Amino acid sequence: MVNRILVVEDELQIAKILKLELEYEGYEVVVANNGKFGLEVALTGKIDLVLLDIMLPEMNGIEVLRRIRKENEMMPIILLTARNMTMDKVTGLDLGANDYITKPFEIEELLARVRSCLRQNAIISNVNNNESIISVKDLTVNHDTREVTRGNNSITLTPKEFDLLVYLISHKNKIVTRENIIKDVWDYDYEGDTNVIDVYIWHLRKKIDEGFESNAIIETVRGVGYIVRES
């Protein structure tokens, strides 16, 4: 089945290039040149992934993102941002964007991030089809609603934190290396060291293990990687 990608971009030349490159890769592409129309298509157009510029006429990308997430928690969304828009990147990730890429970008990197998001969404959807709720110790993950609870506490995760947690749980009782995580969760050529994984693990632990140190979900295997043990 061909994936359908929505490009929400008001710079016509960029939108044209993205459409051509994505179609060359075998995707079906819909282009919207303003935020209001982009939101409408995202919510009604059977879209598999959104490439969303932040600086848009009629409705900015952050507002489009916020409204999409109110209706659809699962749709992969990659933000297209300017180099100096750090706060917009942070806000976008906090509101549920799966990833972002900074303009100007190499088309190969953007295509790799598209593949990564679609792949992760397919993995989660496949798990959803087989088992909606999975548990480790007293931690419960609901794939349908993307809700995570531990004990009586509800835990809010970013999309990437959620993907990372699902990946670790799907490999429970097995050690996964930082390189495994980069390849399987990020799934593109990451230009930098794997310390970024340690940062994400730290944030994830702070949310799910703080207060449960004697019964931690995520364990470090020093010099190797991480493991989630079933008991």
Protein backbone atom coordinates (compact mmCIF):
# COMPACT_ATOMS: atom_id res chain seq x y z
CA MET A 1 0.00 0.00 0.00
CA VAL A 2 1.38 3.41 -1.01
CA ASN A 3 1.89 5.88 1.83
CA ARG A 4 0.17 9.25 1.38
CA ILE A 5 2.21 12.26 2.51
CA LEU A 6 0.91 15.77 3.08
CA VAL A 7 3.38 18.62 2.49
CA VAL A 8 2.25 21.85 4.17
CA GLU A 9 4.63 24.49 2.80
CA ASP A 10 3.98 27.99 1.48
CA GLU A 11 7.31 28.37 -0.35
CA LEU A 12 6.23 27.07 -3.74
CA GLN A 13 9.69 26.04 -4.94
CA ILE A 14 10.37 24.00 -1.79
CA ALA A 15 6.92 22.41 -1.99
CA LYS A 16 7.51 21.51 -5.66
CA ILE A 17 10.91 19.92 -4.94
CA LEU A 18 9.53 17.94 -2.01
CA LYS A 19 6.63 16.68 -4.09
CA LEU A 20 8.91 15.56 -6.92
CA GLU A 21 11.42 13.86 -4.63
CA LEU A 22 8.76 12.09 -2.56
CA GLU A 23 6.89 10.92 -5.63
CA TYR A 24 10.17 9.62 -7.06
CA GLU A 25 10.51 7.54 -3.88
CA GLY A 26 7.07 6.04 -4.52
CA TYR A 27 4.91 8.09 -2.16
CA GLU A 28 1.60 9.73 -3.04
CA VAL A 29 1.88 13.44 -2.25
CA VAL A 30 -0.66 16.15 -1.45
CA VAL A 31 0.50 19.78 -1.15
CA ALA A 32 -1.15 22.52 0.89
CA ASN A 33 0.23 26.06 0.71
CA ASN A 34 -1.36 27.46 3.86
CA GLY A 35 -1.98 26.21 7.38
CA LYS A 36 -5.77 26.27 7.30
CA PHE A 37 -6.00 24.09 4.18
CA GLY A 38 -3.22 21.86 5.48
CA LEU A 39 -5.17 21.20 8.69
CA GLU A 40 -8.29 20.36 6.70
CA VAL A 41 -6.44 17.86 4.52
CA ALA A 42 -4.62 16.32 7.50
CA LEU A 43 -7.89 15.64 9.29
CA THR A 44 -9.94 14.45 6.31
CA GLY A 45 -7.52 13.23 3.65
CA LYS A 46 -6.39 9.78 4.87
CA ILE A 47 -2.83 11.03 5.36
CA ASP A 48 0.00 8.74 6.57
CA LEU A 49 2.56 11.46 7.39
CA VAL A 50 2.72 15.26 7.46
CA LEU A 51 5.70 17.45 6.56
CA LEU A 52 4.72 20.69 8.27
CA ASP A 53 6.38 24.08 7.88
CA ILE A 54 6.09 26.31 10.93
CA MET A 55 5.93 29.71 9.21
CA LEU A 56 2.64 29.50 7.28
CA PRO A 57 -0.06 31.97 6.19
CA GLU A 58 -3.60 31.81 7.64
CA MET A 59 -2.59 29.42 10.45
CA ASN A 60 0.95 28.80 11.67
CA GLY A 61 2.41 25.32 11.82
CA ILE A 62 2.43 25.13 15.62
CA GLU A 63 -1.32 25.74 15.73
CA VAL A 64 -1.87 23.22 12.93
CA LEU A 65 0.15 20.68 14.94
CA ARG A 66 -1.82 21.39 18.11
CA ARG A 67 -5.16 20.91 16.36
CA ILE A 68 -4.06 17.72 14.59
CA ARG A 69 -2.93 16.24 17.89
CA LYS A 70 -6.34 16.96 19.45
CA GLU A 71 -7.88 14.69 16.81
CA ASN A 72 -5.09 12.24 15.99
CA GLU A 73 -2.32 11.14 18.36
CA MET A 74 -0.76 8.64 15.98
CA MET A 75 -0.17 10.52 12.71
CA PRO A 76 3.57 11.06 12.16
CA ILE A 77 4.43 14.76 11.87
CA ILE A 78 7.83 16.18 10.91
CA LEU A 79 8.34 19.92 11.36
CA LEU A 80 10.24 21.99 8.81
CA THR A 81 11.95 24.76 10.77
CA ALA A 82 14.30 27.69 10.23
CA ARG A 83 17.76 27.48 11.77
CA ASN A 84 17.11 30.14 14.42
CA MET A 85 13.72 28.83 15.62
CA THR A 86 14.88 26.85 18.67
CA MET A 87 11.85 27.66 20.82
CA ASP A 88 9.47 26.63 18.04
CA LYS A 89 11.29 23.30 17.78
CA VAL A 90 10.95 22.74 21.52
CA THR A 91 7.29 23.79 21.49
CA GLY A 92 6.60 21.54 18.51
CA LEU A 93 8.18 18.50 20.16
CA ASP A 94 6.30 19.22 23.39
CA LEU A 95 3.03 19.40 21.44
CA GLY A 96 3.68 16.01 19.87
CA ALA A 97 5.76 16.42 16.71
CA ASN A 98 7.66 13.22 15.97
CA ASP A 99 10.73 14.94 14.56
CA TYR A 100 11.99 18.14 12.96
CA ILE A 101 14.47 19.05 10.26
CA THR A 102 16.13 22.44 9.84
CA LYS A 103 16.14 24.40 6.59
CA PRO A 104 18.14 24.26 4.43
CA PHE A 105 18.23 20.48 4.53
CA GLU A 106 19.65 17.68 2.43
CA ILE A 107 16.83 15.79 0.71
CA GLU A 108 18.47 12.46 1.58
CA GLU A 109 18.23 13.26 5.30
CA LEU A 110 14.60 14.33 5.01
CA LEU A 111 13.72 11.14 3.13
CA ALA A 112 15.49 9.09 5.81
CA ARG A 113 13.47 10.80 8.54
CA VAL A 114 10.27 10.17 6.61
CA ARG A 115 11.15 6.47 6.38
CA SER A 116 11.96 6.44 10.09
CA CYS A 117 8.63 7.95 11.14
CA LEU A 118 6.61 5.70 8.84
CA ARG A 119 8.53 2.66 10.03
CA GLN A 120 8.01 3.47 13.70
CA ASN A 121 4.33 4.11 13.12
CA ALA A 122 4.03 0.75 11.33
CA ILE A 123 5.76 -1.02 14.22
CA ILE A 124 3.43 0.55 16.77
CA SER A 125 0.38 -0.13 14.59
CA ASN A 126 1.45 -3.76 14.26
CA VAL A 127 1.76 -4.05 18.02
CA ASN A 128 -1.65 -2.39 18.34
CA ASN A 129 -3.18 -5.02 16.09
CA ASN A 130 -1.69 -7.85 18.15
CA GLU A 131 -1.99 -6.46 21.65
CA SER A 132 -3.45 -3.09 22.62
CA ILE A 133 -2.13 -3.07 26.19
CA ILE A 134 1.26 -4.31 27.35
CA SER A 135 2.64 -4.30 30.87
CA VAL A 136 5.99 -4.64 32.56
CA LYS A 137 5.94 -4.86 36.35
CA ASP A 138 3.41 -2.19 37.34
CA LEU A 139 3.89 -0.13 34.14
CA THR A 140 1.10 -0.28 31.55
CA VAL A 141 1.27 1.00 27.97
CA ASN A 142 -1.92 1.40 25.92
CA HIS A 143 -1.05 1.55 22.23
CA ASP A 144 -4.52 2.63 21.12
CA THR A 145 -4.58 5.74 23.30
CA ARG A 146 -0.80 6.12 23.80
CA GLU A 147 -1.47 6.30 27.54
CA VAL A 148 1.23 5.20 29.94
CA THR A 149 0.51 4.54 33.62
CA ARG A 150 2.52 3.28 36.55
CA GLY A 151 0.54 2.32 39.60
CA ASN A 152 -2.15 4.96 39.80
CA ASN A 153 -0.02 7.62 38.10
CA SER A 154 -0.58 8.75 34.51
CA ILE A 155 2.67 9.52 32.67
CA THR A 156 2.94 11.93 29.74
CA LEU A 157 5.57 11.04 27.13
CA THR A 158 6.68 12.79 23.96
CA PRO A 159 6.21 10.73 20.75
CA LYS A 160 9.91 9.80 20.64
CA GLU A 161 9.94 8.84 24.32
CA PHE A 162 6.88 6.67 23.71
CA ASP A 163 8.53 5.01 20.68
CA LEU A 164 11.68 4.40 22.73
CA LEU A 165 9.71 2.86 25.60
CA VAL A 166 7.76 0.58 23.24
CA TYR A 167 11.03 -0.49 21.60
CA LEU A 168 12.64 -1.33 24.94
CA ILE A 169 9.58 -3.25 26.13
CA SER A 170 9.32 -5.13 22.82
CA HIS A 171 12.90 -6.32 23.49
CA LYS A 172 12.34 -7.06 27.18
CA ASN A 173 14.85 -9.38 28.82
CA LYS A 174 17.30 -8.58 26.00
CA ILE A 175 20.14 -6.06 26.08
CA VAL A 176 19.81 -3.36 23.41
CA THR A 177 22.81 -1.22 22.53
CA ARG A 178 22.79 2.51 21.82
CA GLU A 179 23.62 1.67 18.22
CA ASN A 180 20.57 -0.64 18.04
CA ILE A 181 18.36 2.16 19.29
CA ILE A 182 19.78 4.72 16.85
CA LYS A 183 19.23 2.30 13.96
CA ASP A 184 15.81 0.98 14.93
CA VAL A 185 14.13 3.95 16.63
CA TRP A 186 15.72 6.87 14.76
CA ASP A 187 16.49 4.82 11.62
CA TYR A 188 18.59 7.41 9.80
CA ASP A 189 22.27 8.26 9.59
CA TYR A 190 22.70 10.16 12.83
CA GLU A 191 25.57 12.61 12.59
CA GLY A 192 26.85 12.70 16.15
CA ASP A 193 27.64 10.40 19.05
CA THR A 194 25.10 8.12 20.67
CA ASN A 195 25.01 10.20 23.85
CA VAL A 196 21.67 11.50 22.55
CA ILE A 197 20.26 8.10 23.56
CA ASP A 198 21.53 8.57 27.11
CA VAL A 199 19.71 11.92 27.24
CA TYR A 200 16.43 10.37 26.08
CA ILE A 201 16.85 7.46 28.51
CA TRP A 202 17.45 9.95 31.34
CA HIS A 203 14.23 11.81 30.53
CA LEU A 204 12.30 8.55 30.18
CA ARG A 205 13.61 7.22 33.49
CA LYS A 206 12.76 10.47 35.24
CA LYS A 207 9.15 10.03 34.13
CA ILE A 208 8.64 6.30 34.70
CA ASP A 209 11.17 5.29 37.37
CA GLU A 210 11.39 8.31 39.69
CA GLY A 211 10.07 7.16 43.04
CA PHE A 212 10.42 3.50 42.01
CA GLU A 213 14.21 3.25 42.18
CA SER A 214 14.09 -0.13 43.94
CA ASN A 215 11.90 -1.51 41.14
CA ALA A 216 13.23 0.36 38.08
CA ILE A 217 11.89 -0.52 34.64
CA ILE A 218 14.99 0.47 32.65
CA GLU A 219 18.37 -0.88 33.73
CA THR A 220 21.77 0.18 32.42
CA VAL A 221 24.18 -2.52 31.31
CA ARG A 222 27.40 -0.62 31.78
CA GLY A 223 29.43 -0.21 28.62
CA VAL A 224 26.83 -2.02 26.51
CA GLY A 225 23.34 -0.51 26.58
CA TYR A 226 20.00 -0.98 28.34
CA ILE A 227 17.57 -3.72 29.32
CA VAL A 228 13.98 -3.99 30.52
CA ARG A 229 13.53 -7.06 32.68
CA GLU A 230 10.10 -8.64 32.99
CA SER A 231 10.52 -9.36 36.68
